Amino acid sequence: MTQELSCNVVIHKEELDGKSVYVAECEELSISDFGDTPEEAIEHLKDALKLLISVDPEKAEPLKKDQPLMVTRLYL
């Protein structure tokens, strides 16, 4: 059985060349990609992560977790 890889992703909106885009960031590897929608940004990030891991398989080590981290927003 192969171990699944997972990462925490933060998505935020930014301005790029005068256009609003969504940026998806993998916290564990400090890699990001963007798209016109949050879903597109996530798909682009998946492609970037797969490419990175195919070139340097050791980069997958931080993505081997038993349980995902829970992320929430705290309002003050």
N, C-alpha and C. Protein backbone atom coordinates (compact mmCIF):
# COMPACT_ATOMS: atom_id res chain seq x y z
N MET A 1 0.84 -1.19 0.00
CA MET A 1 0.00 0.00 0.00
C MET A 1 0.89 1.25 0.00
N THR A 2 0.60 2.18 -0.87
CA THR A 2 1.38 3.41 -0.92
C THR A 2 0.79 4.43 0.05
N GLN A 3 1.65 5.20 0.65
CA GLN A 3 1.21 6.22 1.59
C GLN A 3 0.75 7.45 0.82
N GLU A 4 -0.40 7.97 1.22
CA GLU A 4 -0.90 9.17 0.57
C GLU A 4 -0.16 10.40 1.10
N LEU A 5 -0.05 11.37 0.26
CA LEU A 5 0.58 12.63 0.62
C LEU A 5 -0.51 13.67 0.82
N SER A 6 -0.32 14.56 1.77
CA SER A 6 -1.28 15.65 1.96
C SER A 6 -0.54 16.88 2.46
N CYS A 7 -1.15 18.02 2.23
CA CYS A 7 -0.55 19.26 2.72
C CYS A 7 -1.65 20.24 3.08
N ASN A 8 -1.28 21.21 3.89
CA ASN A 8 -2.20 22.29 4.25
C ASN A 8 -2.09 23.36 3.17
N VAL A 9 -3.24 23.84 2.71
CA VAL A 9 -3.28 24.83 1.64
C VAL A 9 -4.03 26.06 2.13
N VAL A 10 -3.41 27.20 1.93
CA VAL A 10 -4.05 28.48 2.22
C VAL A 10 -4.36 29.14 0.88
N ILE A 11 -5.58 29.63 0.75
CA ILE A 11 -5.99 30.29 -0.50
C ILE A 11 -6.35 31.74 -0.16
N HIS A 12 -5.81 32.64 -0.94
CA HIS A 12 -6.15 34.04 -0.75
C HIS A 12 -6.21 34.73 -2.11
N LYS A 13 -6.87 35.86 -2.13
CA LYS A 13 -7.05 36.63 -3.35
C LYS A 13 -5.98 37.72 -3.43
N GLU A 14 -5.42 37.90 -4.63
CA GLU A 14 -4.40 38.94 -4.85
C GLU A 14 -4.66 39.64 -6.18
N GLU A 15 -4.02 40.76 -6.34
CA GLU A 15 -4.02 41.48 -7.61
C GLU A 15 -2.75 41.13 -8.36
N LEU A 16 -2.87 40.71 -9.62
CA LEU A 16 -1.73 40.37 -10.45
C LEU A 16 -1.93 41.02 -11.81
N ASP A 17 -1.07 41.95 -12.14
CA ASP A 17 -1.17 42.69 -13.40
C ASP A 17 -2.55 43.33 -13.58
N GLY A 18 -3.09 43.90 -12.48
CA GLY A 18 -4.38 44.58 -12.54
C GLY A 18 -5.57 43.64 -12.56
N LYS A 19 -5.36 42.36 -12.33
CA LYS A 19 -6.44 41.37 -12.36
C LYS A 19 -6.47 40.61 -11.04
N SER A 20 -7.66 40.31 -10.54
CA SER A 20 -7.79 39.53 -9.32
C SER A 20 -7.58 38.05 -9.63
N VAL A 21 -6.71 37.42 -8.85
CA VAL A 21 -6.46 35.98 -8.99
C VAL A 21 -6.48 35.35 -7.59
N TYR A 22 -6.64 34.05 -7.56
CA TYR A 22 -6.57 33.30 -6.30
C TYR A 22 -5.23 32.59 -6.24
N VAL A 23 -4.59 32.68 -5.09
CA VAL A 23 -3.29 32.05 -4.88
C VAL A 23 -3.48 30.92 -3.87
N ALA A 24 -3.01 29.73 -4.23
CA ALA A 24 -3.03 28.57 -3.34
C ALA A 24 -1.60 28.29 -2.91
N GLU A 25 -1.38 28.23 -1.60
CA GLU A 25 -0.03 28.02 -1.06
C GLU A 25 0.03 26.75 -0.23
N CYS A 26 1.03 25.91 -0.51
CA CYS A 26 1.31 24.73 0.30
C CYS A 26 2.23 25.17 1.43
N GLU A 27 1.73 25.12 2.67
CA GLU A 27 2.51 25.62 3.80
C GLU A 27 3.77 24.79 4.05
N GLU A 28 3.70 23.49 3.90
CA GLU A 28 4.83 22.63 4.23
C GLU A 28 6.04 22.83 3.32
N LEU A 29 5.80 23.11 2.06
CA LEU A 29 6.90 23.24 1.10
C LEU A 29 7.13 24.66 0.60
N SER A 30 6.34 25.59 1.09
CA SER A 30 6.46 27.00 0.67
C SER A 30 6.44 27.14 -0.84
N ILE A 31 5.46 26.48 -1.46
CA ILE A 31 5.28 26.58 -2.90
C ILE A 31 3.85 27.06 -3.16
N SER A 32 3.66 27.84 -4.20
CA SER A 32 2.33 28.36 -4.50
C SER A 32 2.09 28.39 -6.00
N ASP A 33 0.82 28.52 -6.36
CA ASP A 33 0.42 28.72 -7.75
C ASP A 33 -0.89 29.48 -7.72
N PHE A 34 -1.36 29.92 -8.86
CA PHE A 34 -2.56 30.75 -8.88
C PHE A 34 -3.50 30.33 -10.01
N GLY A 35 -4.72 30.88 -9.94
CA GLY A 35 -5.73 30.64 -10.97
C GLY A 35 -6.83 31.67 -10.87
N ASP A 36 -7.73 31.63 -11.84
CA ASP A 36 -8.84 32.58 -11.86
C ASP A 36 -9.89 32.27 -10.80
N THR A 37 -9.94 31.02 -10.34
CA THR A 37 -10.87 30.59 -9.30
C THR A 37 -10.08 29.83 -8.23
N PRO A 38 -10.64 29.67 -7.04
CA PRO A 38 -9.94 28.87 -6.03
C PRO A 38 -9.68 27.44 -6.50
N GLU A 39 -10.64 26.87 -7.19
CA GLU A 39 -10.49 25.50 -7.70
C GLU A 39 -9.36 25.39 -8.72
N GLU A 40 -9.26 26.38 -9.59
CA GLU A 40 -8.20 26.38 -10.60
C GLU A 40 -6.83 26.56 -9.93
N ALA A 41 -6.76 27.41 -8.92
CA ALA A 41 -5.51 27.61 -8.19
C ALA A 41 -5.07 26.31 -7.53
N ILE A 42 -6.01 25.57 -6.95
CA ILE A 42 -5.69 24.29 -6.31
C ILE A 42 -5.20 23.28 -7.34
N GLU A 43 -5.85 23.21 -8.48
CA GLU A 43 -5.40 22.27 -9.53
C GLU A 43 -4.00 22.62 -10.01
N HIS A 44 -3.73 23.90 -10.18
CA HIS A 44 -2.38 24.32 -10.61
C HIS A 44 -1.35 23.98 -9.54
N LEU A 45 -1.72 24.17 -8.27
CA LEU A 45 -0.82 23.83 -7.17
C LEU A 45 -0.54 22.33 -7.14
N LYS A 46 -1.57 21.51 -7.35
CA LYS A 46 -1.38 20.06 -7.41
C LYS A 46 -0.38 19.69 -8.49
N ASP A 47 -0.53 20.29 -9.67
CA ASP A 47 0.39 20.02 -10.78
C ASP A 47 1.82 20.43 -10.40
N ALA A 48 1.97 21.59 -9.77
CA ALA A 48 3.30 22.06 -9.36
C ALA A 48 3.93 21.12 -8.33
N LEU A 49 3.11 20.66 -7.37
CA LEU A 49 3.62 19.74 -6.35
C LEU A 49 4.04 18.40 -6.96
N LYS A 50 3.23 17.88 -7.88
CA LYS A 50 3.58 16.61 -8.55
C LYS A 50 4.89 16.75 -9.31
N LEU A 51 5.06 17.87 -10.00
CA LEU A 51 6.29 18.11 -10.75
C LEU A 51 7.49 18.21 -9.80
N LEU A 52 7.34 18.97 -8.73
CA LEU A 52 8.41 19.12 -7.75
C LEU A 52 8.83 17.77 -7.17
N ILE A 53 7.85 16.94 -6.81
CA ILE A 53 8.13 15.63 -6.21
C ILE A 53 8.74 14.67 -7.22
N SER A 54 8.33 14.79 -8.48
CA SER A 54 8.91 13.91 -9.50
C SER A 54 10.38 14.24 -9.75
N VAL A 55 10.74 15.51 -9.60
CA VAL A 55 12.13 15.95 -9.79
C VAL A 55 12.97 15.67 -8.55
N ASP A 56 12.37 15.86 -7.37
CA ASP A 56 13.08 15.68 -6.10
C ASP A 56 12.18 14.92 -5.12
N PRO A 57 12.18 13.58 -5.18
CA PRO A 57 11.27 12.78 -4.34
C PRO A 57 11.41 13.03 -2.83
N GLU A 58 12.57 13.50 -2.38
CA GLU A 58 12.74 13.78 -0.95
C GLU A 58 11.83 14.91 -0.46
N LYS A 59 11.38 15.75 -1.40
CA LYS A 59 10.46 16.84 -1.03
C LYS A 59 9.13 16.31 -0.52
N ALA A 60 8.81 15.03 -0.79
CA ALA A 60 7.55 14.45 -0.36
C ALA A 60 7.53 14.15 1.13
N GLU A 61 8.68 14.06 1.77
CA GLU A 61 8.74 13.67 3.19
C GLU A 61 7.83 14.50 4.10
N PRO A 62 7.83 15.84 4.01
CA PRO A 62 6.94 16.61 4.90
C PRO A 62 5.46 16.38 4.62
N LEU A 63 5.14 15.78 3.48
CA LEU A 63 3.73 15.57 3.10
C LEU A 63 3.21 14.21 3.53
N LYS A 64 4.04 13.41 4.19
CA LYS A 64 3.63 12.10 4.67
C LYS A 64 3.17 12.25 6.11
N LYS A 65 1.85 12.35 6.29
CA LYS A 65 1.28 12.57 7.62
C LYS A 65 0.19 11.55 7.88
N ASP A 66 0.03 11.20 9.14
CA ASP A 66 -1.07 10.31 9.50
C ASP A 66 -2.40 11.05 9.53
N GLN A 67 -2.38 12.27 10.03
CA GLN A 67 -3.60 13.05 10.15
C GLN A 67 -3.35 14.47 9.68
N PRO A 68 -4.34 15.06 9.00
CA PRO A 68 -4.17 16.46 8.59
C PRO A 68 -4.29 17.40 9.78
N LEU A 69 -3.69 18.53 9.65
CA LEU A 69 -3.79 19.58 10.65
C LEU A 69 -5.12 20.29 10.47
N MET A 70 -5.78 20.64 11.56
CA MET A 70 -7.03 21.38 11.46
C MET A 70 -6.70 22.87 11.44
N VAL A 71 -7.28 23.58 10.53
CA VAL A 71 -7.05 25.02 10.39
C VAL A 71 -8.38 25.71 10.60
N THR A 72 -8.35 26.82 11.31
CA THR A 72 -9.57 27.60 11.55
C THR A 72 -9.23 29.08 11.51
N ARG A 73 -10.22 29.91 11.55
CA ARG A 73 -10.02 31.36 11.59
C ARG A 73 -10.43 31.85 12.97
N LEU A 74 -9.61 32.69 13.54
CA LEU A 74 -9.87 33.25 14.86
C LEU A 74 -10.23 34.71 14.71
N TYR A 75 -11.39 35.09 15.22
CA TYR A 75 -11.84 36.49 15.17
C TYR A 75 -11.63 37.14 16.53
N LEU A 76 -11.08 38.33 16.54
CA LEU A 76 -10.84 39.06 17.78
C LEU A 76 -11.74 40.28 17.87
